[in-house]
Amino acid sequence: MYQYFILQSKKPIKKEREMLLSLLGEVVDVSYLDVDNEFITVVFENLLESSLQELSQVIIEEFFIEIRIYESIRFETIHDLERNIKKVKRMLKLITFDSDDSYLNEVDLLYFEISKPIDPSYKKNILKKYSDDTEMKNILKVFFECNQNTSEASKRLYMHRNTLIQKLDKFYEETGFNPRRFKDAMIIYKAIEN
């Protein structure tokens, strides 16, 4: 089984490169190492004894450089790993550098992937006549925040439960997206986000 981590620096790593590589060599049994101005990619086979979260904090505190470390899942083949490295590097370039996130993993990248905004024209196709209806958007948002529970949502909206159900049914008739169905609800929620 193969695994890797990518150390990404906000600024090019030049002066600290040798010391960083030495530190990484002490922490992990390196199978493969790739270094460029922005990324240090370390592939290894054995499980790590220390946490990469701790390592990222040590590097930030000791070297006074802004970095983040991405830790991959484990891969069966080197081919799958290589393909994943390319994808992750592309994604890391798109994610803004946040000093609070010095450690990232697969879950963080998945969250980034699904939290990308939907194109405005596509939102109009989903919401149809409701694209500018702030009242309906609010109703849907509250309904989703109440885990699609009509009783709870109607209480929060100060609306009779049957009225809420009628509005949800009307939305479904007009758009073809059913707010009570999870798959549709996810799409609707992304479309009503600002």
Protein backbone atom coordinates (compact mmCIF):
# COMPACT_ATOMS: atom_id res chain seq x y z
CA MET A 1 0.00 0.00 0.00
CA TYR A 2 1.24 3.45 -0.92
CA GLN A 3 0.51 6.80 0.63
CA TYR A 4 1.83 10.31 0.15
CA PHE A 5 1.74 13.77 1.54
CA ILE A 6 2.28 17.09 -0.16
CA LEU A 7 3.86 19.99 1.62
CA GLN A 8 2.81 23.24 -0.04
CA SER A 9 4.35 26.60 0.77
CA LYS A 10 2.76 29.98 0.24
CA LYS A 11 6.11 31.31 -0.99
CA PRO A 12 8.83 29.42 -2.89
CA ILE A 13 10.91 27.20 -0.61
CA LYS A 14 14.57 27.99 -1.25
CA LYS A 15 16.64 28.66 1.87
CA GLU A 16 14.75 26.15 4.02
CA ARG A 17 14.64 23.37 1.43
CA GLU A 18 17.60 21.30 2.70
CA MET A 19 16.56 21.57 6.35
CA LEU A 20 12.97 20.66 5.47
CA LEU A 21 14.06 17.63 3.46
CA SER A 22 16.27 16.52 6.35
CA LEU A 23 13.36 16.85 8.79
CA LEU A 24 11.02 14.94 6.47
CA GLY A 25 13.62 12.16 6.14
CA GLU A 26 13.62 11.77 9.93
CA VAL A 27 9.82 11.59 10.15
CA VAL A 28 9.05 9.19 7.31
CA ASP A 29 10.74 6.39 5.38
CA VAL A 30 10.71 8.08 1.95
CA SER A 31 10.06 5.87 -1.10
CA TYR A 32 9.94 8.75 -3.58
CA LEU A 33 10.50 12.48 -3.29
CA ASP A 34 9.62 15.26 -5.74
CA VAL A 35 10.57 18.86 -5.04
CA ASP A 36 9.64 22.01 -6.94
CA ASN A 37 9.15 25.66 -5.96
CA GLU A 38 5.63 25.19 -4.63
CA PHE A 39 5.33 21.54 -3.58
CA ILE A 40 7.33 18.85 -1.85
CA THR A 41 5.72 15.49 -2.56
CA VAL A 42 6.72 12.56 -0.36
CA VAL A 43 5.60 9.00 -1.18
CA PHE A 44 5.96 6.33 1.49
CA GLU A 45 4.77 2.78 2.17
CA ASN A 46 4.86 2.36 5.96
CA LEU A 47 2.31 4.03 8.18
CA LEU A 48 3.54 7.19 9.86
CA GLU A 49 4.36 7.06 13.54
CA SER A 50 3.80 10.78 14.08
CA SER A 51 0.93 12.97 12.99
CA LEU A 52 1.27 15.17 9.91
CA GLN A 53 -0.84 17.76 11.72
CA GLU A 54 1.87 18.00 14.37
CA LEU A 55 4.56 18.11 11.68
CA SER A 56 2.87 21.04 9.94
CA GLN A 57 2.78 22.97 13.22
CA VAL A 58 6.46 22.20 13.91
CA ILE A 59 7.45 23.45 10.45
CA ILE A 60 5.42 26.65 10.83
CA GLU A 61 6.86 27.36 14.27
CA GLU A 62 10.48 26.34 13.59
CA PHE A 63 10.96 27.61 10.04
CA PHE A 64 8.58 30.61 10.16
CA ILE A 65 7.09 29.74 6.78
CA GLU A 66 3.43 29.42 5.86
CA ILE A 67 2.81 25.88 4.73
CA ARG A 68 0.05 23.34 4.61
CA ILE A 69 0.30 19.59 4.39
CA TYR A 70 -2.11 17.40 2.47
CA GLU A 71 -2.23 13.75 3.60
CA SER A 72 -3.57 11.24 1.09
CA ILE A 73 -5.53 8.08 1.61
CA ARG A 74 -3.72 4.76 1.01
CA PHE A 75 -3.47 3.38 -2.55
CA GLU A 76 -3.14 -0.18 -3.83
CA THR A 77 -1.11 0.73 -6.92
CA ILE A 78 1.50 3.34 -7.69
CA HIS A 79 -0.45 4.22 -10.87
CA ASP A 80 -3.54 5.25 -8.84
CA LEU A 81 -1.31 7.22 -6.49
CA GLU A 82 0.40 9.13 -9.34
CA ARG A 83 -2.93 10.03 -10.92
CA ASN A 84 -4.22 11.25 -7.56
CA ILE A 85 -1.12 13.39 -6.94
CA LYS A 86 -1.72 15.31 -10.19
CA LYS A 87 -5.38 15.90 -9.30
CA VAL A 88 -4.58 17.02 -5.75
CA LYS A 89 -1.86 19.44 -6.86
CA ARG A 90 -4.32 21.09 -9.26
CA MET A 91 -6.89 21.39 -6.47
CA LEU A 92 -4.38 22.75 -3.94
CA LYS A 93 -3.52 25.54 -6.36
CA LEU A 94 -7.20 26.55 -6.40
CA ILE A 95 -7.80 26.46 -2.64
CA THR A 96 -6.93 29.74 -0.96
CA PHE A 97 -4.19 29.61 1.64
CA ASP A 98 -5.68 29.88 5.12
CA SER A 99 -3.36 29.98 8.12
CA ASP A 100 -5.90 28.00 10.16
CA ASP A 101 -5.76 25.07 7.73
CA SER A 102 -2.16 23.88 7.91
CA TYR A 103 -3.35 20.28 7.50
CA LEU A 104 -5.69 18.95 4.80
CA ASN A 105 -6.93 15.48 3.93
CA GLU A 106 -9.30 13.83 1.44
CA VAL A 107 -12.40 15.02 3.32
CA ASP A 108 -11.23 18.64 3.09
CA LEU A 109 -10.74 18.31 -0.67
CA LEU A 110 -14.16 16.69 -1.10
CA TYR A 111 -15.72 19.55 0.84
CA PHE A 112 -13.92 22.04 -1.41
CA GLU A 113 -15.08 20.16 -4.50
CA ILE A 114 -18.78 20.19 -3.54
CA SER A 115 -18.71 23.73 -2.19
CA LYS A 116 -17.75 25.29 -5.52
CA PRO A 117 -20.42 27.79 -6.61
CA ILE A 118 -22.87 26.86 -9.35
CA ASP A 119 -22.88 28.97 -12.52
CA PRO A 120 -25.66 31.63 -12.33
CA SER A 121 -27.26 30.54 -15.62
CA TYR A 122 -27.40 26.97 -14.36
CA LYS A 123 -29.04 28.21 -11.13
CA LYS A 124 -31.78 29.83 -13.26
CA ASN A 125 -32.34 26.51 -15.05
CA ILE A 126 -32.75 24.74 -11.70
CA LEU A 127 -34.89 27.34 -9.89
CA LYS A 128 -36.83 28.55 -12.96
CA LYS A 129 -39.32 31.28 -11.88
CA TYR A 130 -38.09 31.06 -8.28
CA SER A 131 -34.59 32.31 -9.12
CA ASP A 132 -35.47 35.82 -7.86
CA ASP A 133 -38.06 34.75 -5.26
CA THR A 134 -36.35 35.47 -1.92
CA GLU A 135 -39.36 34.24 0.09
CA MET A 136 -39.31 30.81 -1.57
CA LYS A 137 -35.53 30.59 -1.27
CA ASN A 138 -35.84 31.30 2.45
CA ILE A 139 -38.57 28.66 2.83
CA LEU A 140 -36.39 26.08 1.09
CA LYS A 141 -33.31 27.03 3.10
CA VAL A 142 -35.15 26.70 6.43
CA PHE A 143 -36.70 23.41 5.27
CA PHE A 144 -33.22 22.02 4.50
CA GLU A 145 -31.75 23.37 7.73
CA CYS A 146 -34.51 21.48 9.58
CA ASN A 147 -33.37 18.25 7.87
CA GLN A 148 -36.39 18.30 5.55
CA ASN A 149 -38.75 18.01 8.51
CA THR A 150 -41.96 19.84 7.57
CA SER A 151 -43.24 20.17 11.16
CA GLU A 152 -40.03 21.73 12.44
CA ALA A 153 -39.62 23.96 9.37
CA SER A 154 -43.21 25.23 9.57
CA LYS A 155 -42.66 26.20 13.23
CA ARG A 156 -39.48 28.12 12.38
CA LEU A 157 -41.20 29.82 9.46
CA TYR A 158 -44.35 30.63 11.48
CA MET A 159 -46.32 28.93 8.73
CA HIS A 160 -49.02 26.26 8.85
CA ARG A 161 -47.59 22.85 7.99
CA ASN A 162 -50.10 22.30 5.14
CA THR A 163 -49.17 25.68 3.62
CA LEU A 164 -45.50 24.68 3.66
CA ILE A 165 -46.33 21.33 2.03
CA GLN A 166 -48.35 23.11 -0.68
CA LYS A 167 -45.44 25.50 -1.38
CA LEU A 168 -42.99 22.57 -1.62
CA ASP A 169 -45.37 20.71 -3.95
CA LYS A 170 -45.78 23.81 -6.13
CA PHE A 171 -41.98 24.22 -6.31
CA TYR A 172 -41.69 20.57 -7.42
CA GLU A 173 -44.39 21.04 -10.09
CA GLU A 174 -42.75 24.19 -11.47
CA THR A 175 -39.11 23.06 -11.44
CA GLY A 176 -39.13 19.27 -11.55
CA PHE A 177 -36.87 19.19 -8.46
CA ASN A 178 -38.44 17.66 -5.35
CA PRO A 179 -37.15 19.33 -2.17
CA ARG A 180 -38.17 16.24 -0.16
CA ARG A 181 -35.86 13.96 -2.16
CA PHE A 182 -32.25 14.08 -0.94
CA LYS A 183 -30.59 14.15 -4.39
CA ASP A 184 -32.84 16.96 -5.57
CA ALA A 185 -32.55 18.79 -2.25
CA MET A 186 -28.78 18.84 -2.52
CA ILE A 187 -28.97 20.43 -5.98
CA ILE A 188 -31.62 22.94 -4.87
CA TYR A 189 -29.58 23.88 -1.80
CA LYS A 190 -26.49 24.55 -3.94
CA ALA A 191 -28.62 26.66 -6.30
CA ILE A 192 -30.11 28.86 -3.55
CA GLU A 193 -26.75 29.49 -1.89
CA ASN A 194 -25.44 32.99 -2.52
